[in-house]
Amino acid sequence: MVTSNYSDDFKRDAVHQITVRGYPVGEVSRRLGVSTYSLYKWLKLFADPLAKSGDVDHEAENRRLKRELVHATEERDILN
């Protein structure tokens, strides 16, 4: 089993991409080459407690929804 030691800065940046920038865990996992299990573990360790309280980052949510819309539109266009 291969174990990689990532710096706390790397972990915090990964968590920031998920919590603040609104990227899905799976996408960040693929881009960084880190397991989703590790990302969820890092989220528990490094996520801002205020972000966990249910406060919604509307800008991040809007970006996520726009990406989802583009993806769905592309899929629809491919099928037509």
N, C-alpha and C. Protein backbone atom coordinates (compact mmCIF):
# COMPACT_ATOMS: atom_id res chain seq x y z
N MET A 1 0.84 -1.19 0.00
CA MET A 1 0.00 0.00 0.00
C MET A 1 0.88 1.24 0.00
N VAL A 2 0.61 2.15 -0.89
CA VAL A 2 1.39 3.37 -1.01
C VAL A 2 0.71 4.46 -0.19
N THR A 3 1.49 5.12 0.64
CA THR A 3 0.95 6.24 1.39
C THR A 3 1.72 7.49 1.00
N SER A 4 1.00 8.55 0.79
CA SER A 4 1.61 9.82 0.45
C SER A 4 1.32 10.79 1.58
N ASN A 5 2.32 11.53 1.92
CA ASN A 5 2.14 12.55 2.95
C ASN A 5 1.99 13.89 2.28
N TYR A 6 0.80 14.43 2.35
CA TYR A 6 0.52 15.73 1.78
C TYR A 6 0.66 16.78 2.87
N SER A 7 1.13 17.95 2.51
CA SER A 7 1.27 19.02 3.49
C SER A 7 -0.11 19.52 3.90
N ASP A 8 -0.16 20.15 5.05
CA ASP A 8 -1.42 20.73 5.52
C ASP A 8 -1.90 21.81 4.56
N ASP A 9 -0.97 22.54 3.95
CA ASP A 9 -1.36 23.58 2.97
C ASP A 9 -2.05 22.95 1.77
N PHE A 10 -1.52 21.82 1.29
CA PHE A 10 -2.13 21.12 0.17
C PHE A 10 -3.55 20.67 0.54
N LYS A 11 -3.69 20.12 1.74
CA LYS A 11 -4.99 19.64 2.20
C LYS A 11 -5.98 20.79 2.33
N ARG A 12 -5.52 21.90 2.91
CA ARG A 12 -6.39 23.07 3.06
C ARG A 12 -6.82 23.63 1.71
N ASP A 13 -5.90 23.62 0.75
CA ASP A 13 -6.24 24.09 -0.60
C ASP A 13 -7.29 23.19 -1.23
N ALA A 14 -7.15 21.89 -1.06
CA ALA A 14 -8.14 20.95 -1.60
C ALA A 14 -9.51 21.20 -0.96
N VAL A 15 -9.53 21.39 0.35
CA VAL A 15 -10.78 21.66 1.07
C VAL A 15 -11.37 22.99 0.60
N HIS A 16 -10.52 23.98 0.37
CA HIS A 16 -10.96 25.29 -0.10
C HIS A 16 -11.66 25.17 -1.46
N GLN A 17 -11.10 24.33 -2.34
CA GLN A 17 -11.71 24.15 -3.65
C GLN A 17 -13.12 23.59 -3.54
N ILE A 18 -13.34 22.75 -2.53
CA ILE A 18 -14.66 22.13 -2.35
C ILE A 18 -15.62 23.09 -1.64
N THR A 19 -15.16 23.66 -0.53
CA THR A 19 -16.07 24.44 0.31
C THR A 19 -16.30 25.85 -0.18
N VAL A 20 -15.27 26.49 -0.70
CA VAL A 20 -15.41 27.89 -1.09
C VAL A 20 -15.66 28.04 -2.59
N ARG A 21 -14.88 27.33 -3.39
CA ARG A 21 -15.01 27.47 -4.84
C ARG A 21 -16.14 26.63 -5.40
N GLY A 22 -16.63 25.66 -4.64
CA GLY A 22 -17.82 24.93 -5.05
C GLY A 22 -17.60 23.75 -5.97
N TYR A 23 -16.37 23.28 -6.09
CA TYR A 23 -16.12 22.12 -6.95
C TYR A 23 -16.59 20.84 -6.26
N PRO A 24 -17.11 19.89 -7.01
CA PRO A 24 -17.53 18.62 -6.43
C PRO A 24 -16.32 17.81 -5.94
N VAL A 25 -16.53 17.03 -4.90
CA VAL A 25 -15.46 16.22 -4.32
C VAL A 25 -14.85 15.30 -5.37
N GLY A 26 -15.68 14.67 -6.18
CA GLY A 26 -15.18 13.76 -7.21
C GLY A 26 -14.26 14.43 -8.21
N GLU A 27 -14.61 15.65 -8.60
CA GLU A 27 -13.79 16.39 -9.56
C GLU A 27 -12.43 16.75 -8.95
N VAL A 28 -12.45 17.24 -7.72
CA VAL A 28 -11.20 17.60 -7.04
C VAL A 28 -10.35 16.34 -6.84
N SER A 29 -10.99 15.24 -6.51
CA SER A 29 -10.29 13.98 -6.33
C SER A 29 -9.55 13.58 -7.60
N ARG A 30 -10.22 13.63 -8.72
CA ARG A 30 -9.60 13.26 -10.00
C ARG A 30 -8.47 14.22 -10.37
N ARG A 31 -8.73 15.53 -10.21
CA ARG A 31 -7.73 16.52 -10.59
C ARG A 31 -6.46 16.42 -9.76
N LEU A 32 -6.61 16.18 -8.46
CA LEU A 32 -5.45 16.16 -7.57
C LEU A 32 -4.85 14.77 -7.40
N GLY A 33 -5.55 13.75 -7.85
CA GLY A 33 -5.05 12.39 -7.69
C GLY A 33 -5.12 11.92 -6.25
N VAL A 34 -6.16 12.34 -5.56
CA VAL A 34 -6.36 11.99 -4.15
C VAL A 34 -7.69 11.26 -4.04
N SER A 35 -7.77 10.27 -3.17
CA SER A 35 -9.01 9.52 -3.03
C SER A 35 -10.10 10.40 -2.42
N THR A 36 -11.34 10.09 -2.76
CA THR A 36 -12.47 10.83 -2.18
C THR A 36 -12.52 10.60 -0.68
N TYR A 37 -12.12 9.41 -0.24
CA TYR A 37 -12.07 9.12 1.20
C TYR A 37 -11.17 10.13 1.91
N SER A 38 -9.98 10.38 1.33
CA SER A 38 -9.05 11.34 1.94
C SER A 38 -9.64 12.74 1.96
N LEU A 39 -10.30 13.12 0.87
CA LEU A 39 -10.88 14.46 0.81
C LEU A 39 -11.96 14.65 1.88
N TYR A 40 -12.81 13.65 2.06
CA TYR A 40 -13.84 13.77 3.09
C TYR A 40 -13.22 13.83 4.48
N LYS A 41 -12.14 13.11 4.68
CA LYS A 41 -11.43 13.15 5.96
C LYS A 41 -10.83 14.54 6.18
N TRP A 42 -10.23 15.11 5.12
CA TRP A 42 -9.67 16.45 5.22
C TRP A 42 -10.75 17.49 5.45
N LEU A 43 -11.92 17.28 4.85
CA LEU A 43 -13.04 18.20 5.07
C LEU A 43 -13.39 18.27 6.55
N LYS A 44 -13.42 17.11 7.20
CA LYS A 44 -13.72 17.09 8.63
C LYS A 44 -12.66 17.81 9.43
N LEU A 45 -11.40 17.69 9.00
CA LEU A 45 -10.30 18.30 9.75
C LEU A 45 -10.15 19.79 9.50
N PHE A 46 -10.30 20.21 8.25
CA PHE A 46 -9.92 21.57 7.87
C PHE A 46 -11.05 22.49 7.46
N ALA A 47 -12.25 21.98 7.30
CA ALA A 47 -13.35 22.84 6.86
C ALA A 47 -13.68 23.86 7.95
N ASP A 48 -14.02 25.03 7.51
CA ASP A 48 -14.39 26.11 8.42
C ASP A 48 -15.67 25.73 9.16
N PRO A 49 -15.67 25.81 10.48
CA PRO A 49 -16.89 25.45 11.23
C PRO A 49 -18.12 26.24 10.79
N LEU A 50 -17.93 27.48 10.34
CA LEU A 50 -19.07 28.26 9.87
C LEU A 50 -19.64 27.68 8.59
N ALA A 51 -18.78 27.13 7.75
CA ALA A 51 -19.25 26.53 6.50
C ALA A 51 -20.08 25.28 6.80
N LYS A 52 -19.76 24.60 7.90
CA LYS A 52 -20.50 23.40 8.27
C LYS A 52 -21.86 23.72 8.89
N SER A 53 -22.03 24.94 9.34
CA SER A 53 -23.25 25.29 10.07
C SER A 53 -24.47 25.45 9.18
N GLY A 54 -24.31 25.33 7.88
CA GLY A 54 -25.45 25.45 6.99
C GLY A 54 -25.48 26.76 6.22
N ASP A 55 -24.52 27.64 6.49
CA ASP A 55 -24.44 28.87 5.70
C ASP A 55 -24.13 28.49 4.26
N VAL A 56 -24.85 29.08 3.34
CA VAL A 56 -24.69 28.74 1.93
C VAL A 56 -23.85 29.81 1.26
N ASP A 57 -22.83 29.38 0.54
CA ASP A 57 -22.04 30.29 -0.28
C ASP A 57 -22.75 30.35 -1.63
N HIS A 58 -23.53 31.39 -1.82
CA HIS A 58 -24.38 31.49 -3.00
C HIS A 58 -23.57 31.59 -4.29
N GLU A 59 -22.43 32.26 -4.24
CA GLU A 59 -21.61 32.37 -5.44
C GLU A 59 -21.07 31.00 -5.85
N ALA A 60 -20.61 30.22 -4.89
CA ALA A 60 -20.11 28.88 -5.18
C ALA A 60 -21.23 27.99 -5.70
N GLU A 61 -22.40 28.11 -5.10
CA GLU A 61 -23.54 27.32 -5.55
C GLU A 61 -23.95 27.71 -6.97
N ASN A 62 -23.92 28.99 -7.28
CA ASN A 62 -24.24 29.44 -8.64
C ASN A 62 -23.23 28.90 -9.65
N ARG A 63 -21.94 28.92 -9.29
CA ARG A 63 -20.92 28.38 -10.19
C ARG A 63 -21.14 26.90 -10.42
N ARG A 64 -21.45 26.16 -9.36
CA ARG A 64 -21.68 24.73 -9.48
C ARG A 64 -22.89 24.45 -10.37
N LEU A 65 -23.96 25.20 -10.17
CA LEU A 65 -25.16 25.01 -10.97
C LEU A 65 -24.94 25.38 -12.44
N LYS A 66 -24.15 26.41 -12.69
CA LYS A 66 -23.84 26.78 -14.08
C LYS A 66 -23.04 25.68 -14.76
N ARG A 67 -22.06 25.10 -14.04
CA ARG A 67 -21.28 24.00 -14.62
C ARG A 67 -22.19 22.81 -14.91
N GLU A 68 -23.11 22.53 -13.99
CA GLU A 68 -24.04 21.42 -14.17
C GLU A 68 -24.95 21.68 -15.38
N LEU A 69 -25.39 22.92 -15.55
CA LEU A 69 -26.23 23.27 -16.69
C LEU A 69 -25.48 23.10 -18.01
N VAL A 70 -24.24 23.54 -18.06
CA VAL A 70 -23.42 23.38 -19.27
C VAL A 70 -23.27 21.91 -19.60
N HIS A 71 -22.99 21.10 -18.58
CA HIS A 71 -22.82 19.66 -18.79
C HIS A 71 -24.12 19.03 -19.32
N ALA A 72 -25.25 19.37 -18.72
CA ALA A 72 -26.54 18.82 -19.15
C ALA A 72 -26.87 19.28 -20.57
N THR A 73 -26.57 20.52 -20.89
CA THR A 73 -26.83 21.04 -22.24
C THR A 73 -25.99 20.30 -23.27
N GLU A 74 -24.71 20.06 -22.93
CA GLU A 74 -23.83 19.32 -23.84
C GLU A 74 -24.36 17.91 -24.07
N GLU A 75 -24.79 17.26 -23.00
CA GLU A 75 -25.34 15.90 -23.13
C GLU A 75 -26.59 15.91 -24.01
N ARG A 76 -27.45 16.89 -23.81
CA ARG A 76 -28.66 16.99 -24.62
C ARG A 76 -28.33 17.19 -26.09
N ASP A 77 -27.35 18.07 -26.36
CA ASP A 77 -26.97 18.34 -27.74
C ASP A 77 -26.35 17.11 -28.41
N ILE A 78 -25.63 16.32 -27.66
CA ILE A 78 -25.03 15.10 -28.20
C ILE A 78 -26.12 14.11 -28.60
N LEU A 79 -27.17 14.03 -27.78
CA LEU A 79 -28.24 13.07 -28.04
C LEU A 79 -29.13 13.49 -29.19
N ASN A 80 -29.15 14.76 -29.51
CA ASN A 80 -30.02 15.25 -30.62
C ASN A 80 -29.34 15.17 -31.94
